[in-house]
């Protein structure tokens, strides 16, 4: 996921496909609680609960 201003590029994981075979979505934030905000909230939660791979 890449975020800039009110736009985002997202490559959702699709079962049985490699990363480069999955589609890329170009999202624009047009309102509250839309697809953009839902992806942004998901990534924020991942960052908050993440931990380093190496201590």
Protein backbone atom coordinates (compact mmCIF):
# COMPACT_ATOMS: atom_id res chain seq x y z
CA UNK A 1 0.00 0.00 0.00
CA UNK A 2 1.25 3.46 -0.90
CA UNK A 3 -0.57 6.52 0.42
CA UNK A 4 -0.19 10.10 -0.77
CA UNK A 5 -2.53 13.03 -0.09
CA UNK A 6 -6.05 11.58 -0.44
CA UNK A 7 -5.03 8.81 -2.82
CA UNK A 8 -3.79 5.29 -2.25
CA UNK A 9 -2.43 2.39 -4.28
CA UNK A 10 -3.44 -0.98 -2.81
CA UNK A 11 -2.62 -4.51 -3.94
CA UNK A 12 -4.97 -6.81 -2.03
CA UNK A 13 -3.91 -10.44 -1.61
CA UNK A 14 -5.89 -12.85 -3.74
CA UNK A 15 -5.66 -16.53 -2.86
CA UNK A 16 -3.63 -18.68 -5.25
CA UNK A 17 -1.97 -15.69 -6.93
CA UNK A 18 1.51 -14.32 -6.52
CA UNK A 19 1.85 -10.67 -5.51
CA UNK A 20 2.70 -9.44 -8.99
CA UNK A 21 -0.34 -11.26 -10.41
CA UNK A 22 -2.79 -9.53 -8.06
CA UNK A 23 -4.63 -6.40 -9.21
CA UNK A 24 -3.64 -2.94 -8.03
CA UNK A 25 -6.41 -0.58 -6.94
CA UNK A 26 -6.07 3.20 -7.19
CA UNK A 27 -8.32 4.65 -4.49
CA UNK A 28 -9.30 8.27 -3.86
CA UNK A 29 -10.81 9.43 -0.59
CA UNK A 30 -14.14 10.98 -1.53
CA UNK A 31 -15.91 10.74 1.84
CA UNK A 32 -15.78 9.29 5.32
CA UNK A 33 -15.79 5.54 6.03
CA UNK A 34 -15.35 4.56 2.41
CA UNK A 35 -12.98 2.00 0.98
CA UNK A 36 -10.01 4.38 1.36
CA UNK A 37 -10.63 4.88 5.10
CA UNK A 38 -11.13 1.17 5.67
CA UNK A 39 -7.80 0.27 4.08
CA UNK A 40 -6.08 3.13 5.94
CA UNK A 41 -7.51 1.94 9.28
CA UNK A 42 -6.38 -1.61 8.57
CA UNK A 43 -2.80 -0.53 7.86
CA UNK A 44 -2.73 1.78 10.90
CA UNK A 45 -3.78 -1.15 13.09
CA UNK A 46 -1.06 -3.36 11.60
CA UNK A 47 1.60 -0.71 12.31
CA UNK A 48 0.38 -0.25 15.90
CA UNK A 49 0.57 -3.96 16.69
CA UNK A 50 3.66 -4.73 14.63
CA UNK A 51 7.04 -5.56 16.10
CA UNK A 52 10.56 -5.72 14.67
CA UNK A 53 11.63 -8.91 12.92
CA UNK A 54 15.02 -8.71 14.60
CA UNK A 55 15.18 -7.65 18.27
